[in-house]
Structure formats: C-alpha cells, structure tokens
Amino acid sequence: MSKRVVSGAVIVGNLVFTSGMTGSPGDVETQIRNTLSRLKTALENAGTSFENVAKATVYLTDLGDRERYLNKIWRETFPENPPSRTCVQAGLAPGTFVEIELVAVIPEK
C-alpha cells in the first residue's frame, strides 16, 4: 500500500484523508466557508474534488450552528449526492467554531 502526503492531506491508494481544518478568524458562517475553501484546495492538490467526497466529519462548538449555518452552506457546497456526514459538538480552540475533515476518492483517469 502506497502512502503519499500532500499539503493538508494523506493519499492512501485512491483515497484522500484530509487533515482536520479550521477557518480563519471570523463568525461561524465565515469560518465554515473558509474551512471548506481550504479543504477544496487540499482535495485539488490531491487530484480530486468535492464531487468525490464520500465522508465528512464536522466538529462544531455549538450543535445549533448546524441548523443556523452549516446545512445551508453544505447544500451549496454539495448540491448533488452529498457525502455521508457526522456532526459532533466539540471543545475547540478559543475563537474556533468549526473543524472539518473529509475522506474522498481520487477518480480513475
């Protein structure tokens, strides 16, 4: 089994495992959008995209933010065939409201 590291992710075979990423300072919505932007870049560096995400784990400091912000942004990001998602309330670093990690497939060429 081969393992390769790219910025923000590890590739094992045809699977990409991103690091847990956070957004820059800002409100919850800004942090979610920034986090997803960083994840998009990591996936692209690994040769894949949001279309190929199979699993997501989302950590929120307040589960109420799932309904207030996350679900709307999630539908924008994954308009068709969204990935399986686990959403957990967690204690994150002060000022951090969200952390997200993804597992994606690198499509065959």
PDB file of N, CA and C in Angstrom:
ATOM      1  N   MET A   1       0.852  -1.165   0.000  1.00  0.00           N
ATOM      2  CA  MET A   1       0.000   0.000   0.000  1.00  0.00           C
ATOM      3  C   MET A   1       0.902   1.233   0.000  1.00  0.00           C
ATOM      4  N   SER A   2       0.619   2.107  -0.960  1.00  0.00           N
ATOM      5  CA  SER A   2       1.408   3.329  -1.031  1.00  0.00           C
ATOM      6  C   SER A   2       0.718   4.446  -0.255  1.00  0.00           C
ATOM      7  N   LYS A   3       1.536   5.287   0.325  1.00  0.00           N
ATOM      8  CA  LYS A   3       1.031   6.433   1.080  1.00  0.00           C
ATOM      9  C   LYS A   3       1.819   7.653   0.626  1.00  0.00           C
ATOM     10  N   ARG A   4       1.087   8.714   0.317  1.00  0.00           N
ATOM     11  CA  ARG A   4       1.720   9.941  -0.162  1.00  0.00           C
ATOM     12  C   ARG A   4       1.106  11.114   0.582  1.00  0.00           C
ATOM     13  N   VAL A   5       1.927  12.071   0.947  1.00  0.00           N
ATOM     14  CA  VAL A   5       1.465  13.252   1.673  1.00  0.00           C
ATOM     15  C   VAL A   5       1.459  14.444   0.727  1.00  0.00           C
ATOM     16  N   VAL A   6       0.341  15.168   0.712  1.00  0.00           N
ATOM     17  CA  VAL A   6       0.247  16.446   0.005  1.00  0.00           C
ATOM     18  C   VAL A   6      -0.194  17.476   1.037  1.00  0.00           C
ATOM     19  N   SER A   7      -0.126  18.723   0.687  1.00  0.00           N
ATOM     20  CA  SER A   7      -0.496  19.770   1.640  1.00  0.00           C
ATOM     21  C   SER A   7      -1.924  19.578   2.142  1.00  0.00           C
ATOM     22  N   GLY A   8      -2.061  19.295   3.434  1.00  0.00           N
ATOM     23  CA  GLY A   8      -3.377  19.169   4.056  1.00  0.00           C
ATOM     24  C   GLY A   8      -4.036  17.821   3.952  1.00  0.00           C
ATOM     25  N   ALA A   9      -3.334  16.826   3.368  1.00  0.00           N
ATOM     26  CA  ALA A   9      -3.980  15.522   3.193  1.00  0.00           C
ATOM     27  C   ALA A   9      -2.944  14.408   3.052  1.00  0.00           C
ATOM     28  N   VAL A  10      -3.431  13.188   3.260  1.00  0.00           N
ATOM     29  CA  VAL A  10      -2.641  11.987   3.020  1.00  0.00           C
ATOM     30  C   VAL A  10      -3.417  11.149   2.012  1.00  0.00           C
ATOM     31  N   ILE A  11      -2.701  10.629   1.012  1.00  0.00           N
ATOM     32  CA  ILE A  11      -3.310   9.791  -0.009  1.00  0.00           C
ATOM     33  C   ILE A  11      -2.865   8.358   0.246  1.00  0.00           C
ATOM     34  N   VAL A  12      -3.834   7.462   0.345  1.00  0.00           N
ATOM     35  CA  VAL A  12      -3.562   6.033   0.502  1.00  0.00           C
ATOM     36  C   VAL A  12      -4.343   5.331  -0.600  1.00  0.00           C
ATOM     37  N   GLY A  13      -3.617   4.737  -1.546  1.00  0.00           N
ATOM     38  CA  GLY A  13      -4.290   4.149  -2.699  1.00  0.00           C
ATOM     39  C   GLY A  13      -5.030   5.247  -3.451  1.00  0.00           C
ATOM     40  N   ASN A  14      -6.349   5.050  -3.631  1.00  0.00           N
ATOM     41  CA  ASN A  14      -7.139   6.075  -4.312  1.00  0.00           C
ATOM     42  C   ASN A  14      -8.013   6.871  -3.341  1.00  0.00           C
ATOM     43  N   LEU A  15      -7.663   6.830  -2.048  1.00  0.00           N
ATOM     44  CA  LEU A  15      -8.416   7.577  -1.040  1.00  0.00           C
ATOM     45  C   LEU A  15      -7.593   8.750  -0.517  1.00  0.00           C
ATOM     46  N   VAL A  16      -8.283   9.855  -0.274  1.00  0.00           N
ATOM     47  CA  VAL A  16      -7.662  11.058   0.279  1.00  0.00           C
ATOM     48  C   VAL A  16      -8.273  11.309   1.648  1.00  0.00           C
ATOM     49  N   PHE A  17      -7.418  11.447   2.643  1.00  0.00           N
ATOM     50  CA  PHE A  17      -7.840  11.757   4.008  1.00  0.00           C
ATOM     51  C   PHE A  17      -7.297  13.140   4.333  1.00  0.00           C
ATOM     52  N   THR A  18      -8.187  14.125   4.465  1.00  0.00           N
ATOM     53  CA  THR A  18      -7.702  15.460   4.785  1.00  0.00           C
ATOM     54  C   THR A  18      -7.425  15.569   6.277  1.00  0.00           C
ATOM     55  N   SER A  19      -6.592  16.511   6.595  1.00  0.00           N
ATOM     56  CA  SER A  19      -6.414  16.886   7.996  1.00  0.00           C
ATOM     57  C   SER A  19      -7.678  17.597   8.444  1.00  0.00           C
ATOM     58  N   GLY A  20      -7.925  17.625   9.743  1.00  0.00           N
ATOM     59  CA  GLY A  20      -8.998  18.460  10.255  1.00  0.00           C
ATOM     60  C   GLY A  20      -8.598  19.906  10.039  1.00  0.00           C
ATOM     61  N   MET A  21      -9.448  20.671   9.383  1.00  0.00           N
ATOM     62  CA  MET A  21      -9.115  22.058   9.069  1.00  0.00           C
ATOM     63  C   MET A  21     -10.123  23.011   9.683  1.00  0.00           C
ATOM     64  N   THR A  22      -9.636  24.195   9.979  1.00  0.00           N
ATOM     65  CA  THR A  22     -10.477  25.257  10.517  1.00  0.00           C
ATOM     66  C   THR A  22     -10.376  26.456   9.593  1.00  0.00           C
ATOM     67  N   GLY A  23     -11.272  27.422   9.792  1.00  0.00           N
ATOM     68  CA  GLY A  23     -11.241  28.655   9.007  1.00  0.00           C
ATOM     69  C   GLY A  23     -10.492  29.731   9.768  1.00  0.00           C
ATOM     70  N   SER A  24     -10.247  30.813   9.088  1.00  0.00           N
ATOM     71  CA  SER A  24      -9.577  31.932   9.747  1.00  0.00           C
ATOM     72  C   SER A  24     -10.533  32.597  10.726  1.00  0.00           C
ATOM     73  N   PRO A  25     -10.047  33.527  11.515  1.00  0.00           N
ATOM     74  CA  PRO A  25     -10.938  34.195  12.475  1.00  0.00           C
ATOM     75  C   PRO A  25     -12.152  34.802  11.785  1.00  0.00           C
ATOM     76  N   GLY A  26     -13.246  34.820  12.503  1.00  0.00           N
ATOM     77  CA  GLY A  26     -14.482  35.377  11.971  1.00  0.00           C
ATOM     78  C   GLY A  26     -15.667  34.740  12.657  1.00  0.00           C
ATOM     79  N   ASP A  27     -16.855  35.078  12.186  1.00  0.00           N
ATOM     80  CA  ASP A  27     -18.056  34.476  12.754  1.00  0.00           C
ATOM     81  C   ASP A  27     -18.196  33.038  12.253  1.00  0.00           C
ATOM     82  N   VAL A  28     -19.215  32.343  12.714  1.00  0.00           N
ATOM     83  CA  VAL A  28     -19.383  30.926  12.391  1.00  0.00           C
ATOM     84  C   VAL A  28     -19.511  30.708  10.886  1.00  0.00           C
ATOM     85  N   GLU A  29     -20.373  31.485  10.239  1.00  0.00           N
ATOM     86  CA  GLU A  29     -20.564  31.309   8.796  1.00  0.00           C
ATOM     87  C   GLU A  29     -19.262  31.532   8.034  1.00  0.00           C
ATOM     88  N   THR A  30     -18.526  32.557   8.370  1.00  0.00           N
ATOM     89  CA  THR A  30     -17.245  32.841   7.719  1.00  0.00           C
ATOM     90  C   THR A  30     -16.271  31.694   7.927  1.00  0.00           C
ATOM     91  N   GLN A  31     -16.215  31.177   9.149  1.00  0.00           N
ATOM     92  CA  GLN A  31     -15.288  30.069   9.424  1.00  0.00           C
ATOM     93  C   GLN A  31     -15.672  28.812   8.641  1.00  0.00           C
ATOM     94  N   ILE A  32     -16.961  28.526   8.531  1.00  0.00           N
ATOM     95  CA  ILE A  32     -17.381  27.346   7.753  1.00  0.00           C
ATOM     96  C   ILE A  32     -16.967  27.515   6.299  1.00  0.00           C
ATOM     97  N   ARG A  33     -17.258  28.671   5.730  1.00  0.00           N
ATOM     98  CA  ARG A  33     -16.914  28.911   4.315  1.00  0.00           C
ATOM     99  C   ARG A  33     -15.392  28.869   4.103  1.00  0.00           C
ATOM    100  N   ASN A  34     -14.631  29.473   4.993  1.00  0.00           N
ATOM    101  CA  ASN A  34     -13.171  29.448   4.864  1.00  0.00           C
ATOM    102  C   ASN A  34     -12.613  28.040   5.020  1.00  0.00           C
ATOM    103  N   THR A  35     -13.185  27.280   5.937  1.00  0.00           N
ATOM    104  CA  THR A  35     -12.737  25.903   6.133  1.00  0.00           C
ATOM    105  C   THR A  35     -12.984  25.082   4.877  1.00  0.00           C
ATOM    106  N   LEU A  36     -14.167  25.215   4.301  1.00  0.00           N
ATOM    107  CA  LEU A  36     -14.477  24.470   3.081  1.00  0.00           C
ATOM    108  C   LEU A  36     -13.587  24.906   1.921  1.00  0.00           C
ATOM    109  N   SER A  37     -13.240  26.168   1.868  1.00  0.00           N
ATOM    110  CA  SER A  37     -12.331  26.651   0.830  1.00  0.00           C
ATOM    111  C   SER A  37     -10.949  26.016   0.978  1.00  0.00           C
ATOM    112  N   ARG A  38     -10.468  25.941   2.200  1.00  0.00           N
ATOM    113  CA  ARG A  38      -9.167  25.298   2.451  1.00  0.00           C
ATOM    114  C   ARG A  38      -9.217  23.815   2.100  1.00  0.00           C
ATOM    115  N   LEU A  39     -10.331  23.164   2.438  1.00  0.00           N
ATOM    116  CA  LEU A  39     -10.484  21.737   2.117  1.00  0.00           C
ATOM    117  C   LEU A  39     -10.543  21.523   0.609  1.00  0.00           C
ATOM    118  N   LYS A  40     -11.200  22.403  -0.102  1.00  0.00           N
ATOM    119  CA  LYS A  40     -11.271  22.310  -1.563  1.00  0.00           C
ATOM    120  C   LYS A  40      -9.860  22.335  -2.148  1.00  0.00           C
ATOM    121  N   THR A  41      -9.030  23.233  -1.654  1.00  0.00           N
ATOM    122  CA  THR A  41      -7.650  23.329  -2.128  1.00  0.00           C
ATOM    123  C   THR A  41      -6.882  22.046  -1.830  1.00  0.00           C
ATOM    124  N   ALA A  42      -7.045  21.501  -0.622  1.00  0.00           N
ATOM    125  CA  ALA A  42      -6.350  20.257  -0.260  1.00  0.00           C
ATOM    126  C   ALA A  42      -6.786  19.112  -1.175  1.00  0.00           C
ATOM    127  N   LEU A  43      -8.079  19.025  -1.458  1.00  0.00           N
ATOM    128  CA  LEU A  43      -8.571  17.972  -2.351  1.00  0.00           C
ATOM    129  C   LEU A  43      -8.006  18.140  -3.756  1.00  0.00           C
ATOM    130  N   GLU A  44      -7.995  19.364  -4.256  1.00  0.00           N
ATOM    131  CA  GLU A  44      -7.448  19.620  -5.589  1.00  0.00           C
ATOM    132  C   GLU A  44      -5.963  19.266  -5.649  1.00  0.00           C
ATOM    133  N   ASN A  45      -5.211  19.588  -4.580  1.00  0.00           N
ATOM    134  CA  ASN A  45      -3.788  19.220  -4.526  1.00  0.00           C
ATOM    135  C   ASN A  45      -3.601  17.709  -4.582  1.00  0.00           C
ATOM    136  N   ALA A  46      -4.602  16.976  -4.111  1.00  0.00           N
ATOM    137  CA  ALA A  46      -4.531  15.512  -4.094  1.00  0.00           C
ATOM    138  C   ALA A  46      -5.111  14.885  -5.362  1.00  0.00           C
ATOM    139  N   GLY A  47      -5.659  15.704  -6.251  1.00  0.00           N
ATOM    140  CA  GLY A  47      -6.181  15.176  -7.511  1.00  0.00           C
ATOM    141  C   GLY A  47      -7.650  14.818  -7.485  1.00  0.00           C
ATOM    142  N   THR A  48      -8.419  15.442  -6.599  1.00  0.00           N
ATOM    143  CA  THR A  48      -9.843  15.139  -6.523  1.00  0.00           C
ATOM    144  C   THR A  48     -10.623  16.424  -6.238  1.00  0.00           C
ATOM    145  N   SER A  49     -11.894  16.286  -5.882  1.00  0.00           N
ATOM    146  CA  SER A  49     -12.738  17.459  -5.681  1.00  0.00           C
ATOM    147  C   SER A  49     -13.888  17.125  -4.724  1.00  0.00           C
ATOM    148  N   PHE A  50     -14.690  18.144  -4.419  1.00  0.00           N
ATOM    149  CA  PHE A  50     -15.862  17.936  -3.560  1.00  0.00           C
ATOM    150  C   PHE A  50     -16.804  16.888  -4.138  1.00  0.00           C
ATOM    151  N   GLU A  51     -16.868  16.759  -5.458  1.00  0.00           N
ATOM    152  CA  GLU A  51     -17.758  15.772  -6.091  1.00  0.00           C
ATOM    153  C   GLU A  51     -17.444  14.344  -5.644  1.00  0.00           C
ATOM    154  N   ASN A  52     -16.209  14.120  -5.211  1.00  0.00           N
ATOM    155  CA  ASN A  52     -15.756  12.770  -4.870  1.00  0.00           C
ATOM    156  C   ASN A  52     -15.615  12.529  -3.378  1.00  0.00           C
ATOM    157  N   VAL A  53     -16.161  13.430  -2.557  1.00  0.00           N
ATOM    158  CA  VAL A  53     -16.099  13.248  -1.107  1.00  0.00           C
ATOM    159  C   VAL A  53     -17.122  12.192  -0.702  1.00  0.00           C
ATOM    160  N   ALA A  54     -16.658  11.196   0.049  1.00  0.00           N
ATOM    161  CA  ALA A  54     -17.535  10.116   0.499  1.00  0.00           C
ATOM    162  C   ALA A  54     -17.978  10.308   1.944  1.00  0.00           C
ATOM    163  N   LYS A  55     -17.122  10.906   2.775  1.00  0.00           N
ATOM    164  CA  LYS A  55     -17.388  11.008   4.208  1.00  0.00           C
ATOM    165  C   LYS A  55     -16.854  12.315   4.752  1.00  0.00           C
ATOM    166  N   ALA A  56     -17.633  12.932   5.612  1.00  0.00           N
ATOM    167  CA  ALA A  56     -17.219  14.169   6.264  1.00  0.00           C
ATOM    168  C   ALA A  56     -17.474  14.055   7.756  1.00  0.00           C
ATOM    169  N   THR A  57     -16.563  14.587   8.524  1.00  0.00           N
ATOM    170  CA  THR A  57     -16.768  14.724   9.959  1.00  0.00           C
ATOM    171  C   THR A  57     -16.645  16.202  10.287  1.00  0.00           C
ATOM    172  N   VAL A  58     -17.687  16.735  10.921  1.00  0.00           N
ATOM    173  CA  VAL A  58     -17.748  18.156  11.245  1.00  0.00           C
ATOM    174  C   VAL A  58     -17.811  18.295  12.759  1.00  0.00           C
ATOM    175  N   TYR A  59     -16.929  19.104  13.304  1.00  0.00           N
ATOM    176  CA  TYR A  59     -16.912  19.400  14.728  1.00  0.00           C
ATOM    177  C   TYR A  59     -17.374  20.843  14.904  1.00  0.00           C
ATOM    178  N   LEU A  60     -18.393  21.053  15.712  1.00  0.00           N
ATOM    179  CA  LEU A  60     -18.918  22.387  15.993  1.00  0.00           C
ATOM    180  C   LEU A  60     -18.878  22.645  17.488  1.00  0.00           C
ATOM    181  N   THR A  61     -18.591  23.873  17.883  1.00  0.00           N
ATOM    182  CA  THR A  61     -18.637  24.195  19.308  1.00  0.00           C
ATOM    183  C   THR A  61     -20.066  24.289  19.799  1.00  0.00           C
ATOM    184  N   ASP A  62     -21.017  24.526  18.870  1.00  0.00           N
ATOM    185  CA  ASP A  62     -22.442  24.628  19.218  1.00  0.00           C
ATOM    186  C   ASP A  62     -23.241  23.891  18.147  1.00  0.00           C
ATOM    187  N   LEU A  63     -23.869  22.772  18.509  1.00  0.00           N
ATOM    188  CA  LEU A  63     -24.624  21.995  17.525  1.00  0.00           C
ATOM    189  C   LEU A  63     -25.768  22.793  16.908  1.00  0.00           C
ATOM    190  N   GLY A  64     -26.221  23.844  17.580  1.00  0.00           N
ATOM    191  CA  GLY A  64     -27.243  24.700  16.998  1.00  0.00           C
ATOM    192  C   GLY A  64     -26.771  25.368  15.710  1.00  0.00           C
ATOM    193  N   ASP A  65     -25.453  25.493  15.537  1.00  0.00           N
ATOM    194  CA  ASP A  65     -24.904  26.091  14.317  1.00  0.00           C
ATOM    195  C   ASP A  65     -25.108  25.195  13.099  1.00  0.00           C
ATOM    196  N   ARG A  66     -25.398  23.928  13.339  1.00  0.00           N
ATOM    197  CA  ARG A  66     -25.700  23.026  12.216  1.00  0.00           C
ATOM    198  C   ARG A  66     -26.923  23.534  11.473  1.00  0.00           C
ATOM    199  N   GLU A  67     -27.988  23.831  12.197  1.00  0.00           N
ATOM    200  CA  GLU A  67     -29.210  24.343  11.568  1.00  0.00           C
ATOM    201  C   GLU A  67     -29.069  25.802  11.148  1.00  0.00           C
ATOM    202  N   ARG A  68     -28.415  26.601  11.980  1.00  0.00           N
ATOM    203  CA  ARG A  68     -28.289  28.035  11.690  1.00  0.00           C
ATOM    204  C   ARG A  68     -27.431  28.332  10.465  1.00  0.00           C
ATOM    205  N   TYR A  69     -26.344  27.591  10.279  1.00  0.00           N
ATOM    206  CA  TYR A  69     -25.380  27.925   9.224  1.00  0.00           C
ATOM    207  C   TYR A  69     -24.960  26.748   8.355  1.00  0.00           C
ATOM    208  N   LEU A  70     -24.564  25.652   8.989  1.00  0.00           N
ATOM    209  CA  LEU A  70     -23.901  24.558   8.275  1.00  0.00           C
ATOM    210  C   LEU A  70     -24.762  23.954   7.178  1.00  0.00           C
ATOM    211  N   ASN A  71     -26.016  23.621   7.471  1.00  0.00           N
ATOM    212  CA  ASN A  71     -26.827  22.913   6.481  1.00  0.00           C
ATOM    213  C   ASN A  71     -26.994  23.703   5.182  1.00  0.00           C
ATOM    214  N   LYS A  72     -27.205  24.998   5.268  1.00  0.00           N
ATOM    215  CA  LYS A  72     -27.352  25.832   4.067  1.00  0.00           C
ATOM    216  C   LYS A  72     -26.062  25.823   3.247  1.00  0.00           C
ATOM    217  N   ILE A  73     -24.945  26.043   3.909  1.00  0.00           N
ATOM    218  CA  ILE A  73     -23.661  26.076   3.221  1.00  0.00           C
ATOM    219  C   ILE A  73     -23.337  24.695   2.648  1.00  0.00           C
ATOM    220  N   TRP A  74     -23.701  23.649   3.375  1.00  0.00           N
ATOM    221  CA  TRP A  74     -23.452  22.279   2.923  1.00  0.00           C
ATOM    222  C   TRP A  74     -24.193  22.008   1.618  1.00  0.00           C
ATOM    223  N   ARG A  75     -25.463  22.441   1.546  1.00  0.00           N
ATOM    224  CA  ARG A  75     -26.245  22.244   0.317  1.00  0.00           C
ATOM    225  C   ARG A  75     -25.640  23.014  -0.860  1.00  0.00           C
ATOM    226  N   GLU A  76     -25.062  24.186  -0.593  1.00  0.00           N
ATOM    227  CA  GLU A  76     -24.393  24.955  -1.650  1.00  0.00           C
ATOM    228  C   GLU A  76     -23.127  24.229  -2.120  1.00  0.00           C
ATOM    229  N   THR A  77     -22.393  23.667  -1.188  1.00  0.00           N
ATOM    230  CA  THR A  77     -21.119  23.013  -1.485  1.00  0.00           C
ATOM    231  C   THR A  77     -21.312  21.655  -2.140  1.00  0.00           C
ATOM    232  N   PHE A  78     -22.317  20.925  -1.690  1.00  0.00           N
ATOM    233  CA  PHE A  78     -22.604  19.583  -2.198  1.00  0.00           C
ATOM    234  C   PHE A  78     -24.044  19.539  -2.715  1.00  0.00           C
ATOM    235  N   PRO A  79     -24.319  20.205  -3.868  1.00  0.00           N
ATOM    236  CA  PRO A  79     -25.702  20.295  -4.344  1.00  0.00           C
ATOM    237  C   PRO A  79     -26.289  18.953  -4.790  1.00  0.00           C
ATOM    238  N   GLU A  80     -25.438  18.023  -5.204  1.00  0.00           N
ATOM    239  CA  GLU A  80     -25.899  16.700  -5.625  1.00  0.00           C
ATOM    240  C   GLU A  80     -25.056  15.646  -4.923  1.00  0.00           C
ATOM    241  N   ASN A  81     -25.701  14.587  -4.504  1.00  0.00           N
ATOM    242  CA  ASN A  81     -25.009  13.462  -3.874  1.00  0.00           C
ATOM    243  C   ASN A  81     -24.068  13.889  -2.754  1.00  0.00           C
ATOM    244  N   PRO A  82     -24.593  14.540  -1.713  1.00  0.00           N
ATOM    245  CA  PRO A  82     -23.720  14.949  -0.609  1.00  0.00           C
ATOM    246  C   PRO A  82     -23.098  13.738   0.079  1.00  0.00           C
ATOM    247  N   PRO A  83     -21.939  13.937   0.686  1.00  0.00           N
ATOM    248  CA  PRO A  83     -21.281  12.828   1.378  1.00  0.00           C
ATOM    249  C   PRO A  83     -22.009  12.467   2.670  1.00  0.00           C
ATOM    250  N   SER A  84     -21.715  11.284   3.155  1.00  0.00           N
ATOM    251  CA  SER A  84     -22.155  10.898   4.494  1.00  0.00           C
ATOM    252  C   SER A  84     -21.502  11.873   5.464  1.00  0.00           C
ATOM    253  N   ARG A  85     -22.257  12.317   6.465  1.00  0.00           N
ATOM    254  CA  ARG A  85     -21.710  13.343   7.362  1.00  0.00           C
ATOM    255  C   ARG A  85     -22.023  13.002   8.810  1.00  0.00           C
ATOM    256  N   THR A  86     -21.010  13.136   9.651  1.00  0.00           N
ATOM    257  CA  THR A  86     -21.175  13.058  11.087  1.00  0.00           C
ATOM    258  C   THR A  86     -20.895  14.448  11.632  1.00  0.00           C
ATOM    259  N   CYS A  87     -21.766  14.922  12.517  1.00  0.00           N
ATOM    260  CA  CYS A  87     -21.608  16.247  13.105  1.00  0.00           C
ATOM    261  C   CYS A  87     -21.564  16.090  14.620  1.00  0.00           C
ATOM    262  N   VAL A  88     -20.490  16.579  15.226  1.00  0.00           N
ATOM    263  CA  VAL A  88     -20.243  16.370  16.638  1.00  0.00           C
ATOM    264  C   VAL A  88     -20.016  17.714  17.325  1.00  0.00           C
ATOM    265  N   GLN A  89     -20.563  17.870  18.514  1.00  0.00           N
ATOM    266  CA  GLN A  89     -20.241  19.046  19.320  1.00  0.00           C
ATOM    267  C   GLN A  89     -18.928  18.777  20.031  1.00  0.00           C
ATOM    268  N   ALA A  90     -18.013  19.751  19.935  1.00  0.00           N
ATOM    269  CA  ALA A  90     -16.676  19.538  20.490  1.00  0.00           C
ATOM    270  C   ALA A  90     -16.116  20.825  21.062  1.00  0.00           C
ATOM    271  N   GLY A  91     -15.216  20.665  22.007  1.00  0.00           N
ATOM    272  CA  GLY A  91     -14.469  21.806  22.517  1.00  0.00           C
ATOM    273  C   GLY A  91     -13.318  22.076  21.572  1.00  0.00           C
ATOM    274  N   LEU A  92     -13.326  23.224  20.926  1.00  0.00           N
ATOM    275  CA  LEU A  92     -12.260  23.603  20.006  1.00  0.00           C
ATOM    276  C   LEU A  92     -11.464  24.755  20.611  1.00  0.00           C
ATOM    277  N   ALA A  93     -10.375  25.109  19.985  1.00  0.00           N
ATOM    278  CA  ALA A  93      -9.541  26.212  20.469  1.00  0.00           C
ATOM    279  C   ALA A  93     -10.389  27.481  20.597  1.00  0.00           C
ATOM    280  N   PRO A  94     -10.067  28.340  21.534  1.00  0.00           N
ATOM    281  CA  PRO A  94     -10.832  29.574  21.703  1.00  0.00           C
ATOM    282  C   PRO A  94     -10.947  30.358  20.391  1.00  0.00           C
ATOM    283  N   GLY A  95     -12.157  30.808  20.078  1.00  0.00           N
ATOM    284  CA  GLY A  95     -12.405  31.558  18.854  1.00  0.00           C
ATOM    285  C   GLY A  95     -12.614  30.707  17.623  1.00  0.00           C
ATOM    286  N   THR A  96     -12.483  29.386  17.775  1.00  0.00           N
ATOM    287  CA  THR A  96     -12.702  28.457  16.660  1.00  0.00           C
ATOM    288  C   THR A  96     -14.067  27.809  16.842  1.00  0.00           C
ATOM    289  N   PHE A  97     -14.909  27.922  15.826  1.00  0.00           N
ATOM    290  CA  PHE A  97     -16.277  27.412  15.919  1.00  0.00           C
ATOM    291  C   PHE A  97     -16.505  26.130  15.141  1.00  0.00           C
ATOM    292  N   VAL A  98     -15.605  25.803  14.201  1.00  0.00           N
ATOM    293  CA  VAL A  98     -15.802  24.630  13.347  1.00  0.00           C
ATOM    294  C   VAL A  98     -14.462  24.031  12.940  1.00  0.00           C
ATOM    295  N   GLU A  99     -14.460  22.711  12.822  1.00  0.00           N
ATOM    296  CA  GLU A  99     -13.339  21.971  12.238  1.00  0.00           C
ATOM    297  C   GLU A  99     -13.959  20.869  11.393  1.00  0.00           C
ATOM    298  N   ILE A 100     -13.410  20.661  10.197  1.00  0.00           N
ATOM    299  CA  ILE A 100     -13.967  19.665   9.276  1.00  0.00           C
ATOM    300  C   ILE A 100     -12.837  18.817   8.710  1.00  0.00           C
ATOM    301  N   GLU A 101     -13.090  17.511   8.602  1.00  0.00           N
ATOM    302  CA  GLU A 101     -12.180  16.610   7.910  1.00  0.00           C
ATOM    303  C   GLU A 101     -12.990  15.812   6.893  1.00  0.00           C
ATOM    304  N   LEU A 102     -12.335  15.445   5.780  1.00  0.00           N
ATOM    305  CA  LEU A 102     -13.023  14.754   4.695  1.00  0.00           C
ATOM    306  C   LEU A 102     -12.252  13.506   4.259  1.00  0.00           C
ATOM    307  N   VAL A 103     -13.003  12.558   3.704  1.00  0.00           N
ATOM    308  CA  VAL A 103     -12.420  11.410   3.006  1.00  0.00           C
ATOM    309  C   VAL A 103     -13.007  11.438   1.605  1.00  0.00           C
ATOM    310  N   ALA A 104     -12.131  11.411   0.602  1.00  0.00           N
ATOM    311  CA  ALA A 104     -12.574  11.476  -0.788  1.00  0.00           C
ATOM    312  C   ALA A 104     -11.869  10.406  -1.616  1.00  0.00           C
ATOM    313  N   VAL A 105     -12.437  10.131  -2.768  1.00  0.00           N
ATOM    314  CA  VAL A 105     -11.874   9.179  -3.713  1.00  0.00           C
ATOM    315  C   VAL A 105     -11.224   9.969  -4.837  1.00  0.00           C
ATOM    316  N   ILE A 106     -10.069   9.489  -5.293  1.00  0.00           N
ATOM    317  CA  ILE A 106      -9.439  10.058  -6.485  1.00  0.00           C
ATOM    318  C   ILE A 106     -10.012   9.261  -7.670  1.00  0.00           C
ATOM    319  N   PRO A 107     -10.695   9.948  -8.585  1.00  0.00           N
ATOM    320  CA  PRO A 107     -11.318   9.217  -9.693  1.00  0.00           C
ATOM    321  C   PRO A 107     -10.273   8.583 -10.614  1.00  0.00           C
ATOM    322  N   GLU A 108     -10.676   7.474 -11.211  1.00  0.00           N
ATOM    323  CA  GLU A 108      -9.795   6.819 -12.184  1.00  0.00           C
ATOM    324  C   GLU A 108      -9.703   7.686 -13.421  1.00  0.00           C
ATOM    325  N   LYS A 109      -8.530   7.699 -14.025  1.00  0.00           N
ATOM    326  CA  LYS A 109      -8.333   8.523 -15.229  1.00  0.00           C
ATOM    327  C   LYS A 109      -8.658   7.749 -16.470  1.00  0.00           C
TER     328      LYS A 109
END
